[in-house]
């Protein structure tokens, strides 16, 4: 059974996914000029209110890394905590390196993609690649662990969550229609599932 300290760490991971999703979607629905079918959630880091999404990345990243330490204490798998920690580090880095404005966002930005990316936009893309790869892998490793433990329902959900992000990411990278929306759905599905797993373990600890 997890200790109270471990429970606190796990709660951090349990909060990270829903927090990132809610803050991102709230901005996507309210910020002028933002269209989730054309703009990735990362683009919310631009403009006068860009600091909200930057802080969202930073806070979610720190919470995820703390939560990974808690997962290391309760899971048999050594790889899941490492992958979750890598995902958290990628989130944090995505907040440090901001994506360039493009395609009409923030309002007043010319439509279309910029021809020359800045160094911090390249940094953001690298951080995103690391984060998404680690998150996809964490879901698949969790699926294997759950299957071996006889938790077939959780194994299926883990595999579906990882596949949702994998497919969404590949679709967005291929330039598919509404690719940024597919990527957002996949990223939120996978991150919230990791949070749910952490929350399940946290609920078993003494209060």
C-alpha atoms as a PDB file:
ATOM      1  CA  UNK A   1       0.000   0.000   0.000  1.00  0.00           C
ATOM      2  CA  UNK A   2       1.412   3.447  -0.896  1.00  0.00           C
ATOM      3  CA  UNK A   3       2.644   5.655   1.936  1.00  0.00           C
ATOM      4  CA  UNK A   4       1.150   9.141   2.481  1.00  0.00           C
ATOM      5  CA  UNK A   5       4.214  10.683   0.817  1.00  0.00           C
ATOM      6  CA  UNK A   6       3.841   8.428  -2.190  1.00  0.00           C
ATOM      7  CA  UNK A   7       0.143   9.272  -2.289  1.00  0.00           C
ATOM      8  CA  UNK A   8       0.975  12.976  -2.507  1.00  0.00           C
ATOM      9  CA  UNK A   9       3.311  12.274  -5.421  1.00  0.00           C
ATOM     10  CA  UNK A  10       0.670  10.214  -7.189  1.00  0.00           C
ATOM     11  CA  UNK A  11      -1.912  12.954  -6.717  1.00  0.00           C
ATOM     12  CA  UNK A  12       0.425  15.280  -8.604  1.00  0.00           C
ATOM     13  CA  UNK A  13       0.304  12.940 -11.592  1.00  0.00           C
ATOM     14  CA  UNK A  14      -3.447  12.488 -11.179  1.00  0.00           C
ATOM     15  CA  UNK A  15      -3.952  16.248 -11.420  1.00  0.00           C
ATOM     16  CA  UNK A  16      -1.473  16.933 -14.239  1.00  0.00           C
ATOM     17  CA  UNK A  17      -3.401  15.486 -17.190  1.00  0.00           C
ATOM     18  CA  UNK A  18      -6.846  16.941 -16.436  1.00  0.00           C
ATOM     19  CA  UNK A  19      -5.317  20.304 -15.484  1.00  0.00           C
ATOM     20  CA  UNK A  20      -3.423  20.577 -18.769  1.00  0.00           C
ATOM     21  CA  UNK A  21      -6.479  19.510 -20.748  1.00  0.00           C
ATOM     22  CA  UNK A  22      -8.946  21.867 -19.036  1.00  0.00           C
ATOM     23  CA  UNK A  23      -6.686  24.922 -19.197  1.00  0.00           C
ATOM     24  CA  UNK A  24      -5.826  24.233 -22.846  1.00  0.00           C
ATOM     25  CA  UNK A  25      -9.408  23.626 -23.973  1.00  0.00           C
ATOM     26  CA  UNK A  26     -10.743  26.631 -22.066  1.00  0.00           C
ATOM     27  CA  UNK A  27      -8.306  28.849 -23.927  1.00  0.00           C
ATOM     28  CA  UNK A  28      -9.007  27.133 -27.243  1.00  0.00           C
ATOM     29  CA  UNK A  29     -12.697  27.939 -26.817  1.00  0.00           C
ATOM     30  CA  UNK A  30     -12.274  31.568 -25.797  1.00  0.00           C
ATOM     31  CA  UNK A  31      -9.183  33.095 -27.383  1.00  0.00           C
ATOM     32  CA  UNK A  32      -9.790  35.233 -30.446  1.00  0.00           C
ATOM     33  CA  UNK A  33      -8.616  33.734 -33.714  1.00  0.00           C
ATOM     34  CA  UNK A  34      -7.842  30.271 -32.357  1.00  0.00           C
ATOM     35  CA  UNK A  35      -9.255  27.334 -34.326  1.00  0.00           C
ATOM     36  CA  UNK A  36      -8.487  23.885 -32.952  1.00  0.00           C
ATOM     37  CA  UNK A  37      -8.957  22.329 -36.380  1.00  0.00           C
ATOM     38  CA  UNK A  38      -6.048  24.443 -37.685  1.00  0.00           C
ATOM     39  CA  UNK A  39      -3.972  25.443 -34.671  1.00  0.00           C
ATOM     40  CA  UNK A  40      -2.194  23.073 -32.262  1.00  0.00           C
ATOM     41  CA  UNK A  41      -2.760  23.719 -28.565  1.00  0.00           C
ATOM     42  CA  UNK A  42       0.903  24.664 -28.292  1.00  0.00           C
ATOM     43  CA  UNK A  43       0.211  27.809 -30.310  1.00  0.00           C
ATOM     44  CA  UNK A  44      -1.765  29.162 -27.341  1.00  0.00           C
ATOM     45  CA  UNK A  45       1.616  30.063 -25.819  1.00  0.00           C
ATOM     46  CA  UNK A  46       1.649  33.100 -28.123  1.00  0.00           C
ATOM     47  CA  UNK A  47      -0.047  36.465 -27.739  1.00  0.00           C
ATOM     48  CA  UNK A  48      -0.901  38.604 -24.742  1.00  0.00           C
ATOM     49  CA  UNK A  49      -2.359  35.649 -22.841  1.00  0.00           C
ATOM     50  CA  UNK A  50       0.341  33.244 -23.983  1.00  0.00           C
ATOM     51  CA  UNK A  51       1.769  33.126 -20.481  1.00  0.00           C
ATOM     52  CA  UNK A  52      -1.257  31.047 -19.423  1.00  0.00           C
ATOM     53  CA  UNK A  53      -0.356  28.180 -21.742  1.00  0.00           C
ATOM     54  CA  UNK A  54       3.338  28.541 -20.964  1.00  0.00           C
ATOM     55  CA  UNK A  55       2.553  28.156 -17.255  1.00  0.00           C
ATOM     56  CA  UNK A  56       0.204  25.303 -18.106  1.00  0.00           C
ATOM     57  CA  UNK A  57       3.060  23.413 -19.760  1.00  0.00           C
ATOM     58  CA  UNK A  58       5.503  24.183 -16.950  1.00  0.00           C
ATOM     59  CA  UNK A  59       3.160  23.268 -14.087  1.00  0.00           C
ATOM     60  CA  UNK A  60       1.858  20.113 -15.781  1.00  0.00           C
ATOM     61  CA  UNK A  61       5.435  19.081 -16.527  1.00  0.00           C
ATOM     62  CA  UNK A  62       6.566  19.490 -12.924  1.00  0.00           C
ATOM     63  CA  UNK A  63       3.487  17.683 -11.577  1.00  0.00           C
ATOM     64  CA  UNK A  64       4.052  14.831 -14.019  1.00  0.00           C
ATOM     65  CA  UNK A  65       7.708  14.423 -13.058  1.00  0.00           C
ATOM     66  CA  UNK A  66       6.809  14.375  -9.349  1.00  0.00           C
ATOM     67  CA  UNK A  67       4.084  11.860 -10.107  1.00  0.00           C
ATOM     68  CA  UNK A  68       6.548   9.665 -11.989  1.00  0.00           C
ATOM     69  CA  UNK A  69       8.565   9.352  -8.774  1.00  0.00           C
ATOM     70  CA  UNK A  70       5.410   8.129  -7.063  1.00  0.00           C
ATOM     71  CA  UNK A  71       4.702   5.633  -9.825  1.00  0.00           C
ATOM     72  CA  UNK A  72       8.229   4.270  -9.425  1.00  0.00           C
ATOM     73  CA  UNK A  73       7.340   3.357  -5.838  1.00  0.00           C
ATOM     74  CA  UNK A  74       4.154   1.444  -6.653  1.00  0.00           C
ATOM     75  CA  UNK A  75       4.529  -0.105 -10.106  1.00  0.00           C
ATOM     76  CA  UNK A  76       6.392  -3.303 -10.882  1.00  0.00           C
ATOM     77  CA  UNK A  77       7.422  -1.874 -14.244  1.00  0.00           C
ATOM     78  CA  UNK A  78      10.606   0.162 -14.193  1.00  0.00           C
ATOM     79  CA  UNK A  79       9.974   1.611 -17.621  1.00  0.00           C
ATOM     80  CA  UNK A  80       6.596   3.253 -17.045  1.00  0.00           C
ATOM     81  CA  UNK A  81       7.905   5.718 -14.410  1.00  0.00           C
ATOM     82  CA  UNK A  82      10.924   6.526 -16.577  1.00  0.00           C
ATOM     83  CA  UNK A  83       8.753   7.158 -19.607  1.00  0.00           C
ATOM     84  CA  UNK A  84       6.274   9.253 -17.618  1.00  0.00           C
ATOM     85  CA  UNK A  85       9.157  11.307 -16.202  1.00  0.00           C
ATOM     86  CA  UNK A  86      10.481  11.827 -19.738  1.00  0.00           C
ATOM     87  CA  UNK A  87       7.022  12.918 -20.841  1.00  0.00           C
ATOM     88  CA  UNK A  88       6.914  15.408 -17.963  1.00  0.00           C
ATOM     89  CA  UNK A  89      10.318  16.782 -18.898  1.00  0.00           C
ATOM     90  CA  UNK A  90       9.102  17.195 -22.473  1.00  0.00           C
ATOM     91  CA  UNK A  91       6.044  19.108 -21.275  1.00  0.00           C
ATOM     92  CA  UNK A  92       8.238  21.417 -19.224  1.00  0.00           C
ATOM     93  CA  UNK A  93      10.563  22.004 -22.172  1.00  0.00           C
ATOM     94  CA  UNK A  94       7.547  22.750 -24.382  1.00  0.00           C
ATOM     95  CA  UNK A  95       6.770  25.610 -22.014  1.00  0.00           C
ATOM     96  CA  UNK A  96      10.316  26.920 -22.127  1.00  0.00           C
ATOM     97  CA  UNK A  97      10.531  26.828 -25.940  1.00  0.00           C
ATOM     98  CA  UNK A  98       7.536  28.606 -27.464  1.00  0.00           C
ATOM     99  CA  UNK A  99       6.064  27.717 -30.850  1.00  0.00           C
ATOM    100  CA  UNK A 100       6.062  30.462 -33.486  1.00  0.00           C
ATOM    101  CA  UNK A 101       2.841  32.380 -34.294  1.00  0.00           C
ATOM    102  CA  UNK A 102       1.346  31.222 -37.602  1.00  0.00           C
ATOM    103  CA  UNK A 103      -1.760  30.755 -39.720  1.00  0.00           C
ATOM    104  CA  UNK A 104      -3.772  33.638 -38.295  1.00  0.00           C
ATOM    105  CA  UNK A 105      -3.011  33.142 -34.604  1.00  0.00           C
ATOM    106  CA  UNK A 106      -2.651  35.218 -32.562  1.00  0.00           C
ATOM    107  CA  UNK A 107      -5.180  37.514 -34.223  1.00  0.00           C
ATOM    108  CA  UNK A 108      -3.404  39.680 -36.771  1.00  0.00           C
ATOM    109  CA  UNK A 109      -0.799  37.061 -37.695  1.00  0.00           C
ATOM    110  CA  UNK A 110      -0.678  36.412 -41.470  1.00  0.00           C
ATOM    111  CA  UNK A 111      -2.401  33.228 -42.625  1.00  0.00           C
ATOM    112  CA  UNK A 112      -0.273  30.296 -43.684  1.00  0.00           C
ATOM    113  CA  UNK A 113       2.780  28.753 -42.080  1.00  0.00           C
ATOM    114  CA  UNK A 114       5.969  30.724 -41.636  1.00  0.00           C
ATOM    115  CA  UNK A 115       8.783  29.783 -44.011  1.00  0.00           C
ATOM    116  CA  UNK A 116      11.586  30.272 -41.477  1.00  0.00           C
ATOM    117  CA  UNK A 117      11.208  28.825 -37.988  1.00  0.00           C
ATOM    118  CA  UNK A 118      12.941  30.340 -34.977  1.00  0.00           C
ATOM    119  CA  UNK A 119      15.304  28.354 -32.776  1.00  0.00           C
ATOM    120  CA  UNK A 120      12.742  28.225 -29.976  1.00  0.00           C
ATOM    121  CA  UNK A 121      10.116  26.806 -32.346  1.00  0.00           C
ATOM    122  CA  UNK A 122      12.549  24.031 -33.290  1.00  0.00           C
ATOM    123  CA  UNK A 123      13.120  23.491 -29.574  1.00  0.00           C
ATOM    124  CA  UNK A 124       9.388  23.217 -29.014  1.00  0.00           C
ATOM    125  CA  UNK A 125       8.998  20.649 -31.778  1.00  0.00           C
ATOM    126  CA  UNK A 126      11.858  18.596 -30.350  1.00  0.00           C
ATOM    127  CA  UNK A 127      10.290  18.757 -26.886  1.00  0.00           C
ATOM    128  CA  UNK A 128       6.943  17.678 -28.304  1.00  0.00           C
ATOM    129  CA  UNK A 129       8.501  14.754 -30.139  1.00  0.00           C
ATOM    130  CA  UNK A 130      10.190  13.536 -26.958  1.00  0.00           C
ATOM    131  CA  UNK A 131       7.054  14.043 -24.865  1.00  0.00           C
ATOM    132  CA  UNK A 132       4.667  12.308 -27.244  1.00  0.00           C
ATOM    133  CA  UNK A 133       7.016   9.398 -27.950  1.00  0.00           C
ATOM    134  CA  UNK A 134       7.491   8.798 -24.223  1.00  0.00           C
ATOM    135  CA  UNK A 135       3.757   9.072 -23.516  1.00  0.00           C
ATOM    136  CA  UNK A 136       2.844   6.641 -26.287  1.00  0.00           C
ATOM    137  CA  UNK A 137       5.466   4.176 -25.063  1.00  0.00           C
ATOM    138  CA  UNK A 138       4.279   4.533 -21.449  1.00  0.00           C
ATOM    139  CA  UNK A 139       0.730   3.627 -22.482  1.00  0.00           C
ATOM    140  CA  UNK A 140       1.885   0.561 -24.406  1.00  0.00           C
ATOM    141  CA  UNK A 141       4.157  -0.630 -21.592  1.00  0.00           C
ATOM    142  CA  UNK A 142       1.272  -0.143 -19.163  1.00  0.00           C
ATOM    143  CA  UNK A 143      -0.931  -2.219 -21.465  1.00  0.00           C
ATOM    144  CA  UNK A 144       1.564  -5.076 -21.335  1.00  0.00           C
ATOM    145  CA  UNK A 145       1.896  -4.822 -17.546  1.00  0.00           C
ATOM    146  CA  UNK A 146      -1.867  -4.794 -17.031  1.00  0.00           C
ATOM    147  CA  UNK A 147      -2.318  -7.751 -19.366  1.00  0.00           C
ATOM    148  CA  UNK A 148       0.293  -9.795 -17.493  1.00  0.00           C
ATOM    149  CA  UNK A 149      -1.431  -8.960 -14.214  1.00  0.00           C
ATOM    150  CA  UNK A 150      -4.782 -10.119 -15.580  1.00  0.00           C
ATOM    151  CA  UNK A 151      -6.318  -6.630 -15.740  1.00  0.00           C
ATOM    152  CA  UNK A 152      -7.519  -6.989 -19.307  1.00  0.00           C
ATOM    153  CA  UNK A 153      -9.869  -3.997 -19.294  1.00  0.00           C
ATOM    154  CA  UNK A 154      -7.129  -1.629 -18.152  1.00  0.00           C
ATOM    155  CA  UNK A 155      -4.774  -3.188 -20.700  1.00  0.00           C
ATOM    156  CA  UNK A 156      -7.202  -2.424 -23.515  1.00  0.00           C
ATOM    157  CA  UNK A 157      -7.716   1.174 -22.367  1.00  0.00           C
ATOM    158  CA  UNK A 158      -3.950   1.685 -22.134  1.00  0.00           C
ATOM    159  CA  UNK A 159      -3.439   0.389 -25.659  1.00  0.00           C
ATOM    160  CA  UNK A 160      -6.296   2.512 -26.999  1.00  0.00           C
ATOM    161  CA  UNK A 161      -4.918   5.632 -25.293  1.00  0.00           C
ATOM    162  CA  UNK A 162      -1.454   5.089 -26.738  1.00  0.00           C
ATOM    163  CA  UNK A 163      -2.877   4.363 -30.181  1.00  0.00           C
ATOM    164  CA  UNK A 164      -5.067   7.486 -30.071  1.00  0.00           C
ATOM    165  CA  UNK A 165      -1.999   9.656 -29.568  1.00  0.00           C
ATOM    166  CA  UNK A 166       0.094   7.735 -32.104  1.00  0.00           C
ATOM    167  CA  UNK A 167      -2.578   8.020 -34.800  1.00  0.00           C
ATOM    168  CA  UNK A 168      -3.375  11.640 -33.962  1.00  0.00           C
ATOM    169  CA  UNK A 169       0.279  12.609 -34.101  1.00  0.00           C
ATOM    170  CA  UNK A 170       0.914  10.821 -37.394  1.00  0.00           C
ATOM    171  CA  UNK A 171      -2.230  12.331 -38.907  1.00  0.00           C
ATOM    172  CA  UNK A 172      -1.216  15.839 -37.860  1.00  0.00           C
ATOM    173  CA  UNK A 173       2.334  15.367 -39.172  1.00  0.00           C
ATOM    174  CA  UNK A 174       0.983  14.148 -42.516  1.00  0.00           C
ATOM    175  CA  UNK A 175      -1.033  17.338 -42.957  1.00  0.00           C
ATOM    176  CA  UNK A 176      -4.360  15.555 -42.658  1.00  0.00           C
ATOM    177  CA  UNK A 177      -7.603  17.501 -42.349  1.00  0.00           C
ATOM    178  CA  UNK A 178      -8.133  18.866 -38.829  1.00  0.00           C
ATOM    179  CA  UNK A 179      -4.831  17.283 -37.854  1.00  0.00           C
ATOM    180  CA  UNK A 180      -4.348  19.548 -34.855  1.00  0.00           C
ATOM    181  CA  UNK A 181      -7.736  18.454 -33.505  1.00  0.00           C
ATOM    182  CA  UNK A 182      -6.806  14.790 -33.856  1.00  0.00           C
ATOM    183  CA  UNK A 183      -3.508  15.442 -32.106  1.00  0.00           C
ATOM    184  CA  UNK A 184      -5.272  17.250 -29.261  1.00  0.00           C
ATOM    185  CA  UNK A 185      -7.735  14.386 -28.796  1.00  0.00           C
ATOM    186  CA  UNK A 186      -4.919  11.840 -28.730  1.00  0.00           C
ATOM    187  CA  UNK A 187      -2.716  13.836 -26.360  1.00  0.00           C
ATOM    188  CA  UNK A 188      -5.555  14.510 -23.936  1.00  0.00           C
ATOM    189  CA  UNK A 189      -6.725  10.882 -24.018  1.00  0.00           C
ATOM    190  CA  UNK A 190      -3.266   9.495 -23.257  1.00  0.00           C
ATOM    191  CA  UNK A 191      -2.337  12.065 -20.602  1.00  0.00           C
ATOM    192  CA  UNK A 192      -5.652  11.759 -18.771  1.00  0.00           C
ATOM    193  CA  UNK A 193      -5.323   7.962 -18.770  1.00  0.00           C
ATOM    194  CA  UNK A 194      -1.896   8.174 -17.125  1.00  0.00           C
ATOM    195  CA  UNK A 195      -3.469  10.505 -14.567  1.00  0.00           C
ATOM    196  CA  UNK A 196      -6.275   8.015 -13.978  1.00  0.00           C
ATOM    197  CA  UNK A 197      -3.776   5.217 -13.328  1.00  0.00           C
ATOM    198  CA  UNK A 198      -1.895   7.404 -10.843  1.00  0.00           C
ATOM    199  CA  UNK A 199      -5.155   8.427  -9.201  1.00  0.00           C
ATOM    200  CA  UNK A 200      -6.173   4.797  -8.819  1.00  0.00           C
ATOM    201  CA  UNK A 201      -2.961   4.053  -6.927  1.00  0.00           C
ATOM    202  CA  UNK A 202      -3.296   7.214  -4.835  1.00  0.00           C
ATOM    203  CA  UNK A 203      -6.751   6.124  -3.686  1.00  0.00           C
ATOM    204  CA  UNK A 204      -5.254   3.000  -2.095  1.00  0.00           C
ATOM    205  CA  UNK A 205      -2.934   4.945   0.213  1.00  0.00           C
ATOM    206  CA  UNK A 206      -3.787   5.878   3.816  1.00  0.00           C
ATOM    207  CA  UNK A 207      -4.914   9.478   4.206  1.00  0.00           C
END
